[in-house]
């Protein structure tokens, strides 16, 4: 009985799970942010490249 009550009072496993969930949520947020930023930067570079192509074509 003493072992069982000691088992119920032990919260180290719950704490580890909480830290794991926090780390997972942070990871998901970082991946989502990086994906969004990467798409935005890619679009910007494509627009710059298009404008440069237009400039080269006009100068020839």
PDB file of N, CA and C in Angstrom:
ATOM      1  N   UNK A   1       0.821  -1.194   0.000  1.00  0.00           N
ATOM      2  CA  UNK A   1       0.000   0.000   0.000  1.00  0.00           C
ATOM      3  C   UNK A   1       0.866   1.261   0.000  1.00  0.00           C
ATOM      4  N   UNK A   2       1.976   1.224   0.714  1.00  0.00           N
ATOM      5  CA  UNK A   2       2.870   2.372   0.786  1.00  0.00           C
ATOM      6  C   UNK A   2       3.477   2.664  -0.595  1.00  0.00           C
ATOM      7  N   UNK A   3       3.816   1.614  -1.314  1.00  0.00           N
ATOM      8  CA  UNK A   3       4.388   1.771  -2.645  1.00  0.00           C
ATOM      9  C   UNK A   3       3.371   2.403  -3.598  1.00  0.00           C
ATOM     10  N   UNK A   4       2.129   1.990  -3.501  1.00  0.00           N
ATOM     11  CA  UNK A   4       1.075   2.520  -4.363  1.00  0.00           C
ATOM     12  C   UNK A   4       0.838   4.006  -4.098  1.00  0.00           C
ATOM     13  N   UNK A   5       0.804   4.408  -2.838  1.00  0.00           N
ATOM     14  CA  UNK A   5       0.590   5.826  -2.524  1.00  0.00           C
ATOM     15  C   UNK A   5       1.785   6.671  -2.966  1.00  0.00           C
ATOM     16  N   UNK A   6       2.996   6.111  -2.877  1.00  0.00           N
ATOM     17  CA  UNK A   6       4.176   6.824  -3.339  1.00  0.00           C
ATOM     18  C   UNK A   6       4.127   6.984  -4.866  1.00  0.00           C
ATOM     19  N   UNK A   7       3.610   5.966  -5.543  1.00  0.00           N
ATOM     20  CA  UNK A   7       3.467   6.014  -7.000  1.00  0.00           C
ATOM     21  C   UNK A   7       2.495   7.119  -7.411  1.00  0.00           C
ATOM     22  N   UNK A   8       1.400   7.279  -6.672  1.00  0.00           N
ATOM     23  CA  UNK A   8       0.414   8.307  -6.998  1.00  0.00           C
ATOM     24  C   UNK A   8       0.959   9.715  -6.761  1.00  0.00           C
ATOM     25  N   UNK A   9       1.854   9.888  -5.813  1.00  0.00           N
ATOM     26  CA  UNK A   9       2.409  11.199  -5.501  1.00  0.00           C
ATOM     27  C   UNK A   9       3.525  11.602  -6.463  1.00  0.00           C
ATOM     28  N   UNK A  10       4.089  10.641  -7.176  1.00  0.00           N
ATOM     29  CA  UNK A  10       5.190  10.923  -8.092  1.00  0.00           C
ATOM     30  C   UNK A  10       4.646  11.621  -9.334  1.00  0.00           C
ATOM     31  N   UNK A  11       5.093  12.855  -9.577  1.00  0.00           N
ATOM     32  CA  UNK A  11       4.607  13.637 -10.720  1.00  0.00           C
ATOM     33  C   UNK A  11       5.695  13.890 -11.757  1.00  0.00           C
ATOM     34  N   UNK A  12       6.819  13.229 -11.651  1.00  0.00           N
ATOM     35  CA  UNK A  12       7.914  13.483 -12.593  1.00  0.00           C
ATOM     36  C   UNK A  12       7.543  13.070 -14.013  1.00  0.00           C
ATOM     37  N   UNK A  13       6.780  12.022 -14.177  1.00  0.00           N
ATOM     38  CA  UNK A  13       6.355  11.606 -15.515  1.00  0.00           C
ATOM     39  C   UNK A  13       5.428  12.620 -16.146  1.00  0.00           C
ATOM     40  N   UNK A  14       4.517  13.160 -15.361  1.00  0.00           N
ATOM     41  CA  UNK A  14       3.586  14.166 -15.872  1.00  0.00           C
ATOM     42  C   UNK A  14       4.341  15.424 -16.288  1.00  0.00           C
ATOM     43  N   UNK A  15       5.338  15.797 -15.516  1.00  0.00           N
ATOM     44  CA  UNK A  15       6.136  16.975 -15.855  1.00  0.00           C
ATOM     45  C   UNK A  15       6.889  16.756 -17.162  1.00  0.00           C
ATOM     46  N   UNK A  16       7.444  15.572 -17.336  1.00  0.00           N
ATOM     47  CA  UNK A  16       8.166  15.274 -18.571  1.00  0.00           C
ATOM     48  C   UNK A  16       7.230  15.329 -19.778  1.00  0.00           C
ATOM     49  N   UNK A  17       6.027  14.830 -19.619  1.00  0.00           N
ATOM     50  CA  UNK A  17       5.049  14.871 -20.713  1.00  0.00           C
ATOM     51  C   UNK A  17       4.687  16.316 -21.037  1.00  0.00           C
ATOM     52  N   UNK A  18       4.514  17.133 -20.005  1.00  0.00           N
ATOM     53  CA  UNK A  18       4.193  18.540 -20.240  1.00  0.00           C
ATOM     54  C   UNK A  18       5.316  19.243 -21.000  1.00  0.00           C
ATOM     55  N   UNK A  19       6.547  19.005 -20.604  1.00  0.00           N
ATOM     56  CA  UNK A  19       7.677  19.604 -21.318  1.00  0.00           C
ATOM     57  C   UNK A  19       7.739  19.096 -22.756  1.00  0.00           C
ATOM     58  N   UNK A  20       7.427  17.835 -22.958  1.00  0.00           N
ATOM     59  CA  UNK A  20       7.410  17.287 -24.314  1.00  0.00           C
ATOM     60  C   UNK A  20       6.344  17.944 -25.171  1.00  0.00           C
ATOM     61  N   UNK A  21       5.170  18.175 -24.600  1.00  0.00           N
ATOM     62  CA  UNK A  21       4.100  18.839 -25.348  1.00  0.00           C
ATOM     63  C   UNK A  21       4.464  20.288 -25.678  1.00  0.00           C
ATOM     64  N   UNK A  22       5.079  20.969 -24.736  1.00  0.00           N
ATOM     65  CA  UNK A  22       5.505  22.351 -24.992  1.00  0.00           C
ATOM     66  C   UNK A  22       6.540  22.385 -26.115  1.00  0.00           C
ATOM     67  N   UNK A  23       7.507  21.479 -26.074  1.00  0.00           N
ATOM     68  CA  UNK A  23       8.531  21.416 -27.120  1.00  0.00           C
ATOM     69  C   UNK A  23       7.897  21.109 -28.483  1.00  0.00           C
ATOM     70  N   UNK A  24       6.910  20.224 -28.501  1.00  0.00           N
ATOM     71  CA  UNK A  24       6.239  19.883 -29.760  1.00  0.00           C
ATOM     72  C   UNK A  24       5.485  21.092 -30.317  1.00  0.00           C
ATOM     73  N   UNK A  25       4.804  21.841 -29.458  1.00  0.00           N
ATOM     74  CA  UNK A  25       4.072  23.017 -29.920  1.00  0.00           C
ATOM     75  C   UNK A  25       5.021  24.093 -30.450  1.00  0.00           C
ATOM     76  N   UNK A  26       6.135  24.279 -29.787  1.00  0.00           N
ATOM     77  CA  UNK A  26       7.124  25.246 -30.262  1.00  0.00           C
ATOM     78  C   UNK A  26       7.675  24.816 -31.617  1.00  0.00           C
ATOM     79  N   UNK A  27       7.925  23.521 -31.777  1.00  0.00           N
ATOM     80  CA  UNK A  27       8.437  23.008 -33.052  1.00  0.00           C
ATOM     81  C   UNK A  27       7.441  23.237 -34.184  1.00  0.00           C
ATOM     82  N   UNK A  28       6.178  22.970 -33.919  1.00  0.00           N
ATOM     83  CA  UNK A  28       5.143  23.171 -34.938  1.00  0.00           C
ATOM     84  C   UNK A  28       5.060  24.651 -35.321  1.00  0.00           C
ATOM     85  N   UNK A  29       5.141  25.537 -34.329  1.00  0.00           N
ATOM     86  CA  UNK A  29       5.089  26.969 -34.614  1.00  0.00           C
ATOM     87  C   UNK A  29       6.294  27.412 -35.444  1.00  0.00           C
ATOM     88  N   UNK A  30       7.470  26.897 -35.130  1.00  0.00           N
ATOM     89  CA  UNK A  30       8.670  27.252 -35.894  1.00  0.00           C
ATOM     90  C   UNK A  30       8.585  26.763 -37.334  1.00  0.00           C
ATOM     91  N   UNK A  31       8.110  25.551 -37.528  1.00  0.00           N
ATOM     92  CA  UNK A  31       7.992  25.003 -38.880  1.00  0.00           C
ATOM     93  C   UNK A  31       6.964  25.805 -39.684  1.00  0.00           C
ATOM     94  N   UNK A  32       5.846  26.132 -39.062  1.00  0.00           N
ATOM     95  CA  UNK A  32       4.818  26.906 -39.756  1.00  0.00           C
ATOM     96  C   UNK A  32       5.350  28.293 -40.125  1.00  0.00           C
ATOM     97  N   UNK A  33       6.054  28.922 -39.210  1.00  0.00           N
ATOM     98  CA  UNK A  33       6.611  30.244 -39.487  1.00  0.00           C
ATOM     99  C   UNK A  33       7.662  30.207 -40.578  1.00  0.00           C
ATOM    100  N   UNK A  34       8.522  29.205 -40.536  1.00  0.00           N
ATOM    101  CA  UNK A  34       9.578  29.086 -41.549  1.00  0.00           C
ATOM    102  C   UNK A  34       8.978  28.805 -42.923  1.00  0.00           C
ATOM    103  N   UNK A  35       7.951  28.000 -42.970  1.00  0.00           N
ATOM    104  CA  UNK A  35       7.291  27.695 -44.244  1.00  0.00           C
ATOM    105  C   UNK A  35       6.654  28.947 -44.830  1.00  0.00           C
ATOM    106  N   UNK A  36       5.965  29.684 -43.988  1.00  0.00           N
ATOM    107  CA  UNK A  36       5.313  30.914 -44.447  1.00  0.00           C
ATOM    108  C   UNK A  36       6.342  31.941 -44.911  1.00  0.00           C
ATOM    109  N   UNK A  37       7.384  32.111 -44.137  1.00  0.00           N
ATOM    110  CA  UNK A  37       8.438  33.067 -44.487  1.00  0.00           C
ATOM    111  C   UNK A  37       9.163  32.636 -45.759  1.00  0.00           C
ATOM    112  N   UNK A  38       9.417  31.335 -45.893  1.00  0.00           N
ATOM    113  CA  UNK A  38      10.088  30.826 -47.088  1.00  0.00           C
ATOM    114  C   UNK A  38       9.279  31.076 -48.338  1.00  0.00           C
ATOM    115  N   UNK A  39       7.977  30.884 -48.255  1.00  0.00           N
ATOM    116  CA  UNK A  39       7.103  31.136 -49.401  1.00  0.00           C
ATOM    117  C   UNK A  39       7.114  32.614 -49.764  1.00  0.00           C
ATOM    118  N   UNK A  40       7.062  33.458 -48.758  1.00  0.00           N
ATOM    119  CA  UNK A  40       7.066  34.899 -48.991  1.00  0.00           C
ATOM    120  C   UNK A  40       8.385  35.355 -49.624  1.00  0.00           C
ATOM    121  N   UNK A  41       9.484  34.855 -49.135  1.00  0.00           N
ATOM    122  CA  UNK A  41      10.788  35.225 -49.693  1.00  0.00           C
ATOM    123  C   UNK A  41      10.929  34.702 -51.116  1.00  0.00           C
ATOM    124  N   UNK A  42      10.443  33.493 -51.366  1.00  0.00           N
ATOM    125  CA  UNK A  42      10.490  32.932 -52.717  1.00  0.00           C
ATOM    126  C   UNK A  42       9.701  33.775 -53.703  1.00  0.00           C
ATOM    127  N   UNK A  43       8.535  34.227 -53.288  1.00  0.00           N
ATOM    128  CA  UNK A  43       7.718  35.085 -54.149  1.00  0.00           C
ATOM    129  C   UNK A  43       8.429  36.401 -54.436  1.00  0.00           C
ATOM    130  N   UNK A  44       9.061  36.969 -53.413  1.00  0.00           N
ATOM    131  CA  UNK A  44       9.790  38.227 -53.601  1.00  0.00           C
ATOM    132  C   UNK A  44      10.932  38.058 -54.590  1.00  0.00           C
ATOM    133  N   UNK A  45      11.710  36.997 -54.459  1.00  0.00           N
ATOM    134  CA  UNK A  45      12.819  36.769 -55.386  1.00  0.00           C
ATOM    135  C   UNK A  45      12.315  36.521 -56.804  1.00  0.00           C
ATOM    136  N   UNK A  46      11.202  35.819 -56.954  1.00  0.00           N
ATOM    137  CA  UNK A  46      10.632  35.606 -58.290  1.00  0.00           C
ATOM    138  C   UNK A  46      10.212  36.932 -58.914  1.00  0.00           C
ATOM    139  N   UNK A  47       9.613  37.808 -58.103  1.00  0.00           N
ATOM    140  CA  UNK A  47       9.211  39.123 -58.622  1.00  0.00           C
ATOM    141  C   UNK A  47      10.421  39.954 -59.031  1.00  0.00           C
ATOM    142  N   UNK A  48      11.462  39.928 -58.234  1.00  0.00           N
ATOM    143  CA  UNK A  48      12.682  40.665 -58.565  1.00  0.00           C
ATOM    144  C   UNK A  48      13.299  40.112 -59.851  1.00  0.00           C
ATOM    145  N   UNK A  49      13.342  38.795 -59.966  1.00  0.00           N
ATOM    146  CA  UNK A  49      13.882  38.172 -61.178  1.00  0.00           C
ATOM    147  C   UNK A  49      13.086  38.545 -62.417  1.00  0.00           C
ATOM    148  N   UNK A  50      11.765  38.592 -62.295  1.00  0.00           N
ATOM    149  CA  UNK A  50      10.908  38.977 -63.421  1.00  0.00           C
ATOM    150  C   UNK A  50      11.174  40.416 -63.835  1.00  0.00           C
ATOM    151  N   UNK A  51      11.290  41.297 -62.847  1.00  0.00           N
ATOM    152  CA  UNK A  51      11.562  42.702 -63.166  1.00  0.00           C
ATOM    153  C   UNK A  51      12.946  42.858 -63.807  1.00  0.00           C
ATOM    154  N   UNK A  52      13.908  42.099 -63.360  1.00  0.00           N
ATOM    155  CA  UNK A  52      15.251  42.176 -63.964  1.00  0.00           C
ATOM    156  C   UNK A  52      15.228  41.663 -65.388  1.00  0.00           C
ATOM    157  N   UNK A  53      14.482  40.584 -65.638  1.00  0.00           N
ATOM    158  CA  UNK A  53      14.356  40.077 -67.011  1.00  0.00           C
ATOM    159  C   UNK A  53      13.719  41.117 -67.922  1.00  0.00           C
ATOM    160  N   UNK A  54      12.708  41.811 -67.432  1.00  0.00           N
ATOM    161  CA  UNK A  54      12.071  42.861 -68.219  1.00  0.00           C
ATOM    162  C   UNK A  54      13.058  43.985 -68.531  1.00  0.00           C
ATOM    163  N   UNK A  55      13.874  44.339 -67.544  1.00  0.00           N
ATOM    164  CA  UNK A  55      14.874  45.390 -67.745  1.00  0.00           C
ATOM    165  C   UNK A  55      15.929  44.992 -68.759  1.00  0.00           C
ATOM    166  N   UNK A  56      16.367  43.750 -68.734  1.00  0.00           N
ATOM    167  CA  UNK A  56      17.371  43.268 -69.684  1.00  0.00           C
ATOM    168  C   UNK A  56      16.776  43.235 -71.078  1.00  0.00           C
ATOM    169  N   UNK A  57      15.524  42.809 -71.200  1.00  0.00           N
ATOM    170  CA  UNK A  57      14.878  42.731 -72.504  1.00  0.00           C
ATOM    171  C   UNK A  57      14.705  44.117 -73.116  1.00  0.00           C
ATOM    172  N   UNK A  58      14.352  45.112 -72.312  1.00  0.00           N
ATOM    173  CA  UNK A  58      14.157  46.477 -72.816  1.00  0.00           C
ATOM    174  C   UNK A  58      15.471  47.095 -73.272  1.00  0.00           C
ATOM    175  N   UNK A  59      16.572  46.767 -72.604  1.00  0.00           N
ATOM    176  CA  UNK A  59      17.850  47.389 -72.925  1.00  0.00           C
ATOM    177  C   UNK A  59      18.495  46.795 -74.176  1.00  0.00           C
ATOM    178  N   UNK A  60      17.999  45.684 -74.662  1.00  0.00           N
ATOM    179  CA  UNK A  60      18.612  45.050 -75.855  1.00  0.00           C
ATOM    180  C   UNK A  60      18.052  45.564 -77.110  1.00  0.00           C
TER     181      UNK A  60
END
